[in-house]
Amino acid sequence: MMLEYCKIVLNGVHEDKKLFRKELIKSIAWLKAEEQNEFISWVKNNFQDQHADVIDEILNTKYNFAS
């Protein structure tokens, strides 16, 4: 349920890089660990061309903190 909500939110803000970044961070924080992998794959498939810099920054930061 939350996974689908996060997808809807990102689809709605993908034109604004600042909002996209903010919502990506919130979405990853809200999702359960098992949903995060599916969500990250979906984000990469849908927005890598448009927001590769933001996606790489957020995912690398997240994994650095997790290790």
PDB file of N, CA and C in Angstrom:
ATOM      1  N   MET A   1       0.829  -1.186   0.000  1.00  0.00           N
ATOM      2  CA  MET A   1       0.000   0.000   0.000  1.00  0.00           C
ATOM      3  C   MET A   1       0.882   1.263   0.000  1.00  0.00           C
ATOM      4  N   MET A   2       1.829   1.348   0.931  1.00  0.00           N
ATOM      5  CA  MET A   2       2.715   2.505   0.989  1.00  0.00           C
ATOM      6  C   MET A   2       3.605   2.561  -0.254  1.00  0.00           C
ATOM      7  N   LEU A   3       3.992   1.398  -0.752  1.00  0.00           N
ATOM      8  CA  LEU A   3       4.826   1.343  -1.950  1.00  0.00           C
ATOM      9  C   LEU A   3       4.117   2.021  -3.126  1.00  0.00           C
ATOM     10  N   GLU A   4       2.862   1.705  -3.322  1.00  0.00           N
ATOM     11  CA  GLU A   4       2.095   2.301  -4.420  1.00  0.00           C
ATOM     12  C   GLU A   4       1.925   3.804  -4.216  1.00  0.00           C
ATOM     13  N   TYR A   5       1.718   4.216  -2.986  1.00  0.00           N
ATOM     14  CA  TYR A   5       1.593   5.641  -2.676  1.00  0.00           C
ATOM     15  C   TYR A   5       2.888   6.381  -3.033  1.00  0.00           C
ATOM     16  N   CYS A   6       4.018   5.797  -2.663  1.00  0.00           N
ATOM     17  CA  CYS A   6       5.316   6.420  -2.962  1.00  0.00           C
ATOM     18  C   CYS A   6       5.521   6.561  -4.472  1.00  0.00           C
ATOM     19  N   LYS A   7       5.101   5.571  -5.226  1.00  0.00           N
ATOM     20  CA  LYS A   7       5.216   5.635  -6.684  1.00  0.00           C
ATOM     21  C   LYS A   7       4.364   6.769  -7.242  1.00  0.00           C
ATOM     22  N   ILE A   8       3.150   6.902  -6.732  1.00  0.00           N
ATOM     23  CA  ILE A   8       2.246   7.962  -7.186  1.00  0.00           C
ATOM     24  C   ILE A   8       2.852   9.335  -6.895  1.00  0.00           C
ATOM     25  N   VAL A   9       3.390   9.496  -5.690  1.00  0.00           N
ATOM     26  CA  VAL A   9       3.986  10.778  -5.306  1.00  0.00           C
ATOM     27  C   VAL A   9       5.158  11.119  -6.224  1.00  0.00           C
ATOM     28  N   LEU A  10       6.054  10.175  -6.451  1.00  0.00           N
ATOM     29  CA  LEU A  10       7.209  10.461  -7.308  1.00  0.00           C
ATOM     30  C   LEU A  10       6.789  10.773  -8.737  1.00  0.00           C
ATOM     31  N   ASN A  11       5.786  10.064  -9.235  1.00  0.00           N
ATOM     32  CA  ASN A  11       5.276  10.374 -10.569  1.00  0.00           C
ATOM     33  C   ASN A  11       4.749  11.803 -10.634  1.00  0.00           C
ATOM     34  N   GLY A  12       4.168  12.263  -9.544  1.00  0.00           N
ATOM     35  CA  GLY A  12       3.593  13.601  -9.515  1.00  0.00           C
ATOM     36  C   GLY A  12       4.611  14.726  -9.415  1.00  0.00           C
ATOM     37  N   VAL A  13       5.787  14.435  -8.893  1.00  0.00           N
ATOM     38  CA  VAL A  13       6.782  15.497  -8.677  1.00  0.00           C
ATOM     39  C   VAL A  13       8.026  15.352  -9.553  1.00  0.00           C
ATOM     40  N   HIS A  14       8.032  14.411 -10.472  1.00  0.00           N
ATOM     41  CA  HIS A  14       9.266  14.123 -11.217  1.00  0.00           C
ATOM     42  C   HIS A  14       9.748  15.275 -12.098  1.00  0.00           C
ATOM     43  N   GLU A  15       8.914  16.244 -12.373  1.00  0.00           N
ATOM     44  CA  GLU A  15       9.334  17.385 -13.188  1.00  0.00           C
ATOM     45  C   GLU A  15      10.177  18.384 -12.400  1.00  0.00           C
ATOM     46  N   ASP A  16      10.082  18.340 -11.080  1.00  0.00           N
ATOM     47  CA  ASP A  16      10.796  19.275 -10.210  1.00  0.00           C
ATOM     48  C   ASP A  16      11.899  18.519  -9.473  1.00  0.00           C
ATOM     49  N   LYS A  17      13.143  18.768  -9.852  1.00  0.00           N
ATOM     50  CA  LYS A  17      14.267  17.997  -9.305  1.00  0.00           C
ATOM     51  C   LYS A  17      14.361  18.099  -7.781  1.00  0.00           C
ATOM     52  N   LYS A  18      14.132  19.293  -7.215  1.00  0.00           N
ATOM     53  CA  LYS A  18      14.212  19.463  -5.756  1.00  0.00           C
ATOM     54  C   LYS A  18      13.138  18.647  -5.040  1.00  0.00           C
ATOM     55  N   LEU A  19      11.923  18.706  -5.550  1.00  0.00           N
ATOM     56  CA  LEU A  19      10.833  17.940  -4.944  1.00  0.00           C
ATOM     57  C   LEU A  19      11.056  16.446  -5.119  1.00  0.00           C
ATOM     58  N   PHE A  20      11.538  16.056  -6.293  1.00  0.00           N
ATOM     59  CA  PHE A  20      11.821  14.648  -6.555  1.00  0.00           C
ATOM     60  C   PHE A  20      12.819  14.117  -5.532  1.00  0.00           C
ATOM     61  N   ARG A  21      13.884  14.871  -5.296  1.00  0.00           N
ATOM     62  CA  ARG A  21      14.918  14.468  -4.342  1.00  0.00           C
ATOM     63  C   ARG A  21      14.320  14.312  -2.942  1.00  0.00           C
ATOM     64  N   LYS A  22      13.556  15.314  -2.521  1.00  0.00           N
ATOM     65  CA  LYS A  22      12.949  15.303  -1.191  1.00  0.00           C
ATOM     66  C   LYS A  22      12.011  14.101  -1.022  1.00  0.00           C
ATOM     67  N   GLU A  23      11.167  13.859  -2.019  1.00  0.00           N
ATOM     68  CA  GLU A  23      10.208  12.762  -1.927  1.00  0.00           C
ATOM     69  C   GLU A  23      10.885  11.394  -2.042  1.00  0.00           C
ATOM     70  N   LEU A  24      11.962  11.309  -2.785  1.00  0.00           N
ATOM     71  CA  LEU A  24      12.706  10.050  -2.879  1.00  0.00           C
ATOM     72  C   LEU A  24      13.285   9.686  -1.517  1.00  0.00           C
ATOM     73  N   ILE A  25      13.857  10.659  -0.838  1.00  0.00           N
ATOM     74  CA  ILE A  25      14.416  10.422   0.500  1.00  0.00           C
ATOM     75  C   ILE A  25      13.317   9.967   1.459  1.00  0.00           C
ATOM     76  N   LYS A  26      12.195  10.676   1.465  1.00  0.00           N
ATOM     77  CA  LYS A  26      11.091  10.317   2.364  1.00  0.00           C
ATOM     78  C   LYS A  26      10.558   8.928   2.048  1.00  0.00           C
ATOM     79  N   SER A  27      10.404   8.630   0.769  1.00  0.00           N
ATOM     80  CA  SER A  27       9.853   7.336   0.374  1.00  0.00           C
ATOM     81  C   SER A  27      10.728   6.180   0.849  1.00  0.00           C
ATOM     82  N   ILE A  28      12.023   6.303   0.649  1.00  0.00           N
ATOM     83  CA  ILE A  28      12.937   5.237   1.076  1.00  0.00           C
ATOM     84  C   ILE A  28      12.869   5.070   2.596  1.00  0.00           C
ATOM     85  N   ALA A  29      12.776   6.178   3.314  1.00  0.00           N
ATOM     86  CA  ALA A  29      12.711   6.111   4.774  1.00  0.00           C
ATOM     87  C   ALA A  29      11.417   5.452   5.257  1.00  0.00           C
ATOM     88  N   TRP A  30      10.333   5.688   4.568  1.00  0.00           N
ATOM     89  CA  TRP A  30       9.027   5.149   4.987  1.00  0.00           C
ATOM     90  C   TRP A  30       8.844   3.670   4.679  1.00  0.00           C
ATOM     91  N   LEU A  31       9.470   3.216   3.607  1.00  0.00           N
ATOM     92  CA  LEU A  31       9.213   1.844   3.154  1.00  0.00           C
ATOM     93  C   LEU A  31       9.940   0.813   4.013  1.00  0.00           C
ATOM     94  N   LYS A  32       9.320  -0.341   4.110  1.00  0.00           N
ATOM     95  CA  LYS A  32       9.959  -1.481   4.779  1.00  0.00           C
ATOM     96  C   LYS A  32      11.117  -1.962   3.915  1.00  0.00           C
ATOM     97  N   ALA A  33      12.063  -2.623   4.537  1.00  0.00           N
ATOM     98  CA  ALA A  33      13.270  -3.069   3.835  1.00  0.00           C
ATOM     99  C   ALA A  33      12.942  -3.890   2.588  1.00  0.00           C
ATOM    100  N   GLU A  34      11.960  -4.782   2.686  1.00  0.00           N
ATOM    101  CA  GLU A  34      11.633  -5.629   1.540  1.00  0.00           C
ATOM    102  C   GLU A  34      10.968  -4.833   0.413  1.00  0.00           C
ATOM    103  N   GLU A  35      10.319  -3.721   0.742  1.00  0.00           N
ATOM    104  CA  GLU A  35       9.712  -2.877  -0.285  1.00  0.00           C
ATOM    105  C   GLU A  35      10.740  -1.946  -0.923  1.00  0.00           C
ATOM    106  N   GLN A  36      11.784  -1.617  -0.196  1.00  0.00           N
ATOM    107  CA  GLN A  36      12.787  -0.678  -0.705  1.00  0.00           C
ATOM    108  C   GLN A  36      13.449  -1.168  -1.981  1.00  0.00           C
ATOM    109  N   ASN A  37      13.793  -2.446  -2.048  1.00  0.00           N
ATOM    110  CA  ASN A  37      14.451  -2.971  -3.248  1.00  0.00           C
ATOM    111  C   ASN A  37      13.560  -2.857  -4.472  1.00  0.00           C
ATOM    112  N   GLU A  38      12.293  -3.205  -4.308  1.00  0.00           N
ATOM    113  CA  GLU A  38      11.344  -3.099  -5.422  1.00  0.00           C
ATOM    114  C   GLU A  38      11.192  -1.630  -5.835  1.00  0.00           C
ATOM    115  N   PHE A  39      11.084  -0.755  -4.854  1.00  0.00           N
ATOM    116  CA  PHE A  39      10.916   0.671  -5.123  1.00  0.00           C
ATOM    117  C   PHE A  39      12.137   1.247  -5.838  1.00  0.00           C
ATOM    118  N   ILE A  40      13.312   0.904  -5.369  1.00  0.00           N
ATOM    119  CA  ILE A  40      14.544   1.412  -5.983  1.00  0.00           C
ATOM    120  C   ILE A  40      14.653   0.950  -7.433  1.00  0.00           C
ATOM    121  N   SER A  41      14.312  -0.290  -7.694  1.00  0.00           N
ATOM    122  CA  SER A  41      14.320  -0.793  -9.076  1.00  0.00           C
ATOM    123  C   SER A  41      13.340  -0.012  -9.935  1.00  0.00           C
ATOM    124  N   TRP A  42      12.153   0.238  -9.389  1.00  0.00           N
ATOM    125  CA  TRP A  42      11.132   0.989 -10.111  1.00  0.00           C
ATOM    126  C   TRP A  42      11.618   2.412 -10.394  1.00  0.00           C
ATOM    127  N   VAL A  43      12.217   3.049  -9.401  1.00  0.00           N
ATOM    128  CA  VAL A  43      12.731   4.411  -9.571  1.00  0.00           C
ATOM    129  C   VAL A  43      13.776   4.439 -10.682  1.00  0.00           C
ATOM    130  N   LYS A  44      14.712   3.509 -10.648  1.00  0.00           N
ATOM    131  CA  LYS A  44      15.761   3.466 -11.673  1.00  0.00           C
ATOM    132  C   LYS A  44      15.160   3.249 -13.057  1.00  0.00           C
ATOM    133  N   ASN A  45      14.207   2.335 -13.169  1.00  0.00           N
ATOM    134  CA  ASN A  45      13.588   2.048 -14.459  1.00  0.00           C
ATOM    135  C   ASN A  45      12.817   3.240 -15.015  1.00  0.00           C
ATOM    136  N   ASN A  46      12.220   4.035 -14.141  1.00  0.00           N
ATOM    137  CA  ASN A  46      11.357   5.115 -14.592  1.00  0.00           C
ATOM    138  C   ASN A  46      12.013   6.488 -14.657  1.00  0.00           C
ATOM    139  N   PHE A  47      13.061   6.719 -13.868  1.00  0.00           N
ATOM    140  CA  PHE A  47      13.596   8.070 -13.758  1.00  0.00           C
ATOM    141  C   PHE A  47      15.099   8.183 -13.933  1.00  0.00           C
ATOM    142  N   GLN A  48      15.788   7.097 -14.228  1.00  0.00           N
ATOM    143  CA  GLN A  48      17.246   7.131 -14.350  1.00  0.00           C
ATOM    144  C   GLN A  48      17.696   8.127 -15.416  1.00  0.00           C
ATOM    145  N   ASP A  49      17.012   8.187 -16.534  1.00  0.00           N
ATOM    146  CA  ASP A  49      17.404   9.101 -17.610  1.00  0.00           C
ATOM    147  C   ASP A  49      17.269  10.564 -17.189  1.00  0.00           C
ATOM    148  N   GLN A  50      16.229  10.863 -16.433  1.00  0.00           N
ATOM    149  CA  GLN A  50      15.935  12.245 -16.059  1.00  0.00           C
ATOM    150  C   GLN A  50      16.668  12.693 -14.785  1.00  0.00           C
ATOM    151  N   HIS A  51      16.827  11.778 -13.824  1.00  0.00           N
ATOM    152  CA  HIS A  51      17.356  12.160 -12.511  1.00  0.00           C
ATOM    153  C   HIS A  51      18.478  11.245 -12.027  1.00  0.00           C
ATOM    154  N   ALA A  52      19.348  10.825 -12.916  1.00  0.00           N
ATOM    155  CA  ALA A  52      20.424   9.903 -12.547  1.00  0.00           C
ATOM    156  C   ALA A  52      21.293  10.473 -11.425  1.00  0.00           C
ATOM    157  N   ASP A  53      21.572  11.768 -11.470  1.00  0.00           N
ATOM    158  CA  ASP A  53      22.427  12.381 -10.459  1.00  0.00           C
ATOM    159  C   ASP A  53      21.787  12.312  -9.073  1.00  0.00           C
ATOM    160  N   VAL A  54      20.512  12.616  -8.996  1.00  0.00           N
ATOM    161  CA  VAL A  54      19.795  12.582  -7.710  1.00  0.00           C
ATOM    162  C   VAL A  54      19.698  11.146  -7.198  1.00  0.00           C
ATOM    163  N   ILE A  55      19.331  10.231  -8.065  1.00  0.00           N
ATOM    164  CA  ILE A  55      19.170   8.827  -7.672  1.00  0.00           C
ATOM    165  C   ILE A  55      20.497   8.280  -7.150  1.00  0.00           C
ATOM    166  N   ASP A  56      21.569   8.521  -7.868  1.00  0.00           N
ATOM    167  CA  ASP A  56      22.882   8.036  -7.429  1.00  0.00           C
ATOM    168  C   ASP A  56      23.273   8.643  -6.090  1.00  0.00           C
ATOM    169  N   GLU A  57      23.054   9.945  -5.933  1.00  0.00           N
ATOM    170  CA  GLU A  57      23.403  10.615  -4.677  1.00  0.00           C
ATOM    171  C   GLU A  57      22.635  10.015  -3.502  1.00  0.00           C
ATOM    172  N   ILE A  58      21.339   9.868  -3.644  1.00  0.00           N
ATOM    173  CA  ILE A  58      20.502   9.384  -2.547  1.00  0.00           C
ATOM    174  C   ILE A  58      20.818   7.924  -2.227  1.00  0.00           C
ATOM    175  N   LEU A  59      20.922   7.102  -3.229  1.00  0.00           N
ATOM    176  CA  LEU A  59      21.173   5.674  -2.979  1.00  0.00           C
ATOM    177  C   LEU A  59      22.557   5.444  -2.407  1.00  0.00           C
ATOM    178  N   ASN A  60      23.549   6.171  -2.872  1.00  0.00           N
ATOM    179  CA  ASN A  60      24.901   6.014  -2.331  1.00  0.00           C
ATOM    180  C   ASN A  60      24.974   6.512  -0.898  1.00  0.00           C
ATOM    181  N   THR A  61      24.298   7.595  -0.609  1.00  0.00           N
ATOM    182  CA  THR A  61      24.265   8.117   0.756  1.00  0.00           C
ATOM    183  C   THR A  61      23.578   7.122   1.674  1.00  0.00           C
ATOM    184  N   LYS A  62      22.454   6.586   1.222  1.00  0.00           N
ATOM    185  CA  LYS A  62      21.706   5.628   2.041  1.00  0.00           C
ATOM    186  C   LYS A  62      22.584   4.421   2.371  1.00  0.00           C
ATOM    187  N   TYR A  63      23.249   3.868   1.376  1.00  0.00           N
ATOM    188  CA  TYR A  63      24.011   2.666   1.614  1.00  0.00           C
ATOM    189  C   TYR A  63      25.269   2.938   2.438  1.00  0.00           C
ATOM    190  N   ASN A  64      25.817   4.123   2.320  1.00  0.00           N
ATOM    191  CA  ASN A  64      26.964   4.472   3.173  1.00  0.00           C
ATOM    192  C   ASN A  64      26.552   4.525   4.629  1.00  0.00           C
ATOM    193  N   PHE A  65      25.371   5.060   4.909  1.00  0.00           N
ATOM    194  CA  PHE A  65      24.902   5.122   6.275  1.00  0.00           C
ATOM    195  C   PHE A  65      24.557   3.737   6.806  1.00  0.00           C
ATOM    196  N   ALA A  66      24.080   2.866   5.926  1.00  0.00           N
ATOM    197  CA  ALA A  66      23.644   1.542   6.358  1.00  0.00           C
ATOM    198  C   ALA A  66      24.827   0.623   6.655  1.00  0.00           C
ATOM    199  N   SER A  67      25.982   0.922   6.099  1.00  0.00           N
ATOM    200  CA  SER A  67      27.108  -0.006   6.284  1.00  0.00           C
ATOM    201  C   SER A  67      27.881   0.235   7.553  1.00  0.00           C
TER     202      SER A  67
END
